[in-house]
N, C-alpha and C. Protein backbone atom coordinates (compact mmCIF):
# COMPACT_ATOMS: atom_id res chain seq x y z
N MET A 1 110.80 75.32 87.78
CA MET A 1 109.96 75.63 88.89
C MET A 1 108.44 75.44 88.36
N SER A 2 107.73 74.76 89.22
CA SER A 2 106.33 74.51 88.93
C SER A 2 105.47 75.57 89.45
N GLU A 3 104.28 75.72 88.92
CA GLU A 3 103.36 76.70 89.38
C GLU A 3 102.78 76.39 90.74
N TRP A 4 103.07 75.19 91.29
CA TRP A 4 102.68 74.79 92.61
C TRP A 4 103.74 74.86 93.68
N ASP A 5 104.96 75.36 93.29
CA ASP A 5 106.06 75.38 94.24
C ASP A 5 105.77 76.26 95.44
N PHE A 6 104.91 77.22 95.34
CA PHE A 6 104.54 78.07 96.47
C PHE A 6 103.94 77.31 97.65
N LEU A 7 103.53 76.02 97.41
CA LEU A 7 102.89 75.27 98.44
C LEU A 7 103.83 74.44 99.34
N TRP A 8 105.10 74.47 99.02
CA TRP A 8 106.03 73.56 99.70
C TRP A 8 106.10 73.72 101.24
N ASP A 9 106.14 74.90 101.77
CA ASP A 9 106.29 75.15 103.18
C ASP A 9 104.95 75.23 103.93
N LEU A 10 103.88 74.96 103.27
CA LEU A 10 102.58 75.18 103.89
C LEU A 10 102.07 73.79 104.35
N SER A 11 101.17 73.92 105.40
CA SER A 11 100.51 72.67 105.89
C SER A 11 99.14 73.00 106.45
N GLY A 12 98.35 72.07 106.65
CA GLY A 12 97.03 72.25 107.33
C GLY A 12 96.10 73.24 106.55
N LYS A 13 95.47 74.11 107.34
CA LYS A 13 94.51 75.04 106.73
C LYS A 13 95.17 75.96 105.73
N ASP A 14 96.45 76.37 106.02
CA ASP A 14 97.16 77.22 105.12
C ASP A 14 97.36 76.58 103.72
N LEU A 15 97.67 75.37 103.72
CA LEU A 15 97.86 74.63 102.52
C LEU A 15 96.58 74.44 101.72
N GLU A 16 95.50 74.09 102.48
CA GLU A 16 94.18 73.92 101.84
C GLU A 16 93.73 75.30 101.28
N ASP A 17 93.87 76.36 101.99
CA ASP A 17 93.40 77.73 101.46
C ASP A 17 94.26 78.09 100.27
N ALA A 18 95.53 77.88 100.26
CA ALA A 18 96.41 78.19 99.17
C ALA A 18 96.03 77.37 97.92
N MET A 19 95.76 76.04 98.15
CA MET A 19 95.43 75.21 96.99
C MET A 19 94.08 75.60 96.38
N THR A 20 93.12 76.02 97.16
CA THR A 20 91.81 76.37 96.60
C THR A 20 91.80 77.81 96.01
N SER A 21 92.59 78.70 96.55
CA SER A 21 92.58 80.07 96.06
C SER A 21 93.72 80.40 95.08
N GLY A 22 94.71 79.58 94.97
CA GLY A 22 95.86 79.81 94.09
C GLY A 22 96.87 80.77 94.67
N GLY A 23 96.84 81.14 95.93
CA GLY A 23 97.86 82.05 96.53
C GLY A 23 97.76 81.88 98.04
N THR A 24 98.91 82.23 98.66
CA THR A 24 99.05 82.23 100.13
C THR A 24 98.46 83.46 100.74
N ALA A 25 98.37 83.48 102.05
CA ALA A 25 97.89 84.65 102.84
C ALA A 25 98.80 85.87 102.51
N ASN A 26 100.01 85.58 102.34
CA ASN A 26 101.02 86.67 102.01
C ASN A 26 100.82 87.22 100.67
N ASP A 27 100.56 86.30 99.74
CA ASP A 27 100.18 86.78 98.39
C ASP A 27 98.93 87.67 98.28
N TRP A 28 97.93 87.26 99.06
CA TRP A 28 96.69 88.09 98.99
C TRP A 28 96.85 89.39 99.77
N ALA A 29 97.76 89.41 100.84
CA ALA A 29 97.98 90.66 101.53
C ALA A 29 98.69 91.64 100.62
N TYR A 30 99.62 91.11 99.79
CA TYR A 30 100.36 91.91 98.81
C TYR A 30 99.38 92.52 97.76
N VAL A 31 98.51 91.63 97.24
CA VAL A 31 97.56 92.12 96.31
C VAL A 31 96.65 93.21 96.84
N GLU A 32 96.13 93.07 97.97
CA GLU A 32 95.32 94.04 98.73
C GLU A 32 96.07 95.36 98.82
N LYS A 33 97.37 95.29 99.22
CA LYS A 33 98.17 96.52 99.45
C LYS A 33 98.25 97.22 98.02
N GLN A 34 98.52 96.49 96.96
CA GLN A 34 98.62 97.09 95.64
C GLN A 34 97.35 97.73 95.20
N GLU A 35 96.23 97.07 95.54
CA GLU A 35 94.92 97.57 95.18
C GLU A 35 94.56 98.88 95.87
N ARG A 36 95.10 98.98 97.17
CA ARG A 36 94.81 100.23 97.89
C ARG A 36 95.66 101.39 97.32
N LYS A 37 96.76 101.10 96.66
CA LYS A 37 97.57 102.15 96.14
C LYS A 37 97.02 102.77 94.84
N LYS A 38 96.25 102.00 94.11
CA LYS A 38 95.75 102.46 92.90
C LYS A 38 94.91 103.78 92.97
N PRO A 39 93.90 103.83 93.86
CA PRO A 39 93.11 105.01 94.02
C PRO A 39 93.97 106.26 94.40
N LYS A 40 94.92 106.01 95.29
CA LYS A 40 95.79 107.14 95.72
C LYS A 40 96.59 107.68 94.55
N VAL A 41 97.18 106.80 93.68
CA VAL A 41 97.98 107.25 92.59
C VAL A 41 97.03 108.00 91.56
N GLU A 42 95.82 107.43 91.37
CA GLU A 42 94.90 108.13 90.46
C GLU A 42 94.49 109.50 91.01
N TRP A 43 94.22 109.57 92.34
CA TRP A 43 93.85 110.80 92.92
C TRP A 43 94.98 111.85 92.76
N GLU A 44 96.22 111.50 92.97
CA GLU A 44 97.36 112.43 92.74
C GLU A 44 97.42 112.94 91.29
N LYS A 45 97.17 112.01 90.34
CA LYS A 45 97.26 112.44 88.97
C LYS A 45 96.12 113.42 88.77
N LEU A 46 94.99 113.13 89.19
CA LEU A 46 93.78 114.07 89.06
C LEU A 46 93.98 115.43 89.68
N LYS A 47 94.55 115.44 90.91
CA LYS A 47 94.88 116.69 91.44
C LYS A 47 95.91 117.53 90.65
N SER A 48 96.92 116.83 90.10
CA SER A 48 97.94 117.61 89.36
C SER A 48 97.30 118.11 88.01
N LEU A 49 96.38 117.41 87.45
CA LEU A 49 95.64 117.91 86.25
C LEU A 49 94.90 119.17 86.65
N ARG A 50 94.17 119.14 87.71
CA ARG A 50 93.47 120.27 88.21
C ARG A 50 94.39 121.43 88.47
N ASP A 51 95.43 121.16 89.26
CA ASP A 51 96.32 122.25 89.68
C ASP A 51 97.11 122.81 88.49
N GLY A 52 97.37 122.05 87.50
CA GLY A 52 98.03 122.46 86.31
C GLY A 52 97.15 123.21 85.37
N GLY A 53 95.81 123.24 85.66
CA GLY A 53 94.91 123.93 84.75
C GLY A 53 94.58 123.14 83.48
N LEU A 54 94.87 121.86 83.52
CA LEU A 54 94.62 121.03 82.33
C LEU A 54 93.18 120.50 82.24
N ILE A 55 92.44 120.56 83.30
CA ILE A 55 91.06 120.15 83.23
C ILE A 55 90.19 121.23 83.99
N SER A 56 88.97 121.36 83.60
CA SER A 56 88.07 122.34 84.20
C SER A 56 87.63 121.92 85.59
N LYS A 57 87.05 122.77 86.38
CA LYS A 57 86.48 122.36 87.67
C LYS A 57 85.37 121.33 87.51
N GLU A 58 84.57 121.44 86.48
CA GLU A 58 83.53 120.50 86.30
C GLU A 58 84.04 119.12 85.91
N GLU A 59 85.07 119.07 85.10
CA GLU A 59 85.71 117.78 84.70
C GLU A 59 86.38 117.16 85.92
N PHE A 60 86.97 118.00 86.78
CA PHE A 60 87.63 117.54 87.98
C PHE A 60 86.49 116.87 88.85
N LYS A 61 85.44 117.54 89.09
CA LYS A 61 84.40 117.01 89.92
C LYS A 61 83.90 115.71 89.45
N LYS A 62 83.67 115.65 88.08
CA LYS A 62 83.13 114.45 87.41
C LYS A 62 84.11 113.26 87.61
N ARG A 63 85.42 113.53 87.38
CA ARG A 63 86.36 112.45 87.57
C ARG A 63 86.52 111.97 88.95
N LYS A 64 86.47 113.02 89.87
CA LYS A 64 86.65 112.72 91.28
C LYS A 64 85.48 111.78 91.79
N THR A 65 84.24 112.12 91.33
CA THR A 65 83.10 111.31 91.73
C THR A 65 83.25 109.89 91.13
N ALA A 66 83.70 109.82 89.88
CA ALA A 66 83.93 108.47 89.29
C ALA A 66 84.99 107.69 90.03
N LEU A 67 86.10 108.37 90.41
CA LEU A 67 87.20 107.69 91.08
C LEU A 67 86.76 107.11 92.46
N PHE A 68 86.09 107.89 93.19
CA PHE A 68 85.68 107.46 94.53
C PHE A 68 84.40 106.56 94.49
N SER A 69 83.61 106.64 93.51
CA SER A 69 82.50 105.71 93.45
C SER A 69 83.01 104.32 93.03
N ASN A 70 84.08 104.29 92.19
CA ASN A 70 84.68 103.04 91.79
C ASN A 70 85.46 102.42 92.96
N ASP A 71 85.99 103.20 93.83
CA ASP A 71 86.78 102.76 94.97
C ASP A 71 85.87 102.02 95.93
N ILE A 72 84.62 102.37 96.05
CA ILE A 72 83.71 101.72 96.92
C ILE A 72 83.37 100.31 96.43
N ASN A 73 83.29 100.17 95.09
CA ASN A 73 82.87 98.90 94.51
C ASN A 73 84.05 97.90 94.51
N VAL A 74 85.32 98.34 94.74
CA VAL A 74 86.44 97.40 94.69
C VAL A 74 86.51 96.52 95.83
């Protein structure tokens, strides 16, 4: 299987876009979905650290600020 096999069923603008970007619209939709999951998973981990008493309130606030400020830049 070649690295270009994902192009077989594409034509027109879809083919051109996939050739220039290295992925299809479905590929990019999947990547975006995975990227949206990251902050949620990190937020859940952070809350469990706080709820378990493993980090201080100050550390929680610091990490929360860092997590959500990074999310804006993504």
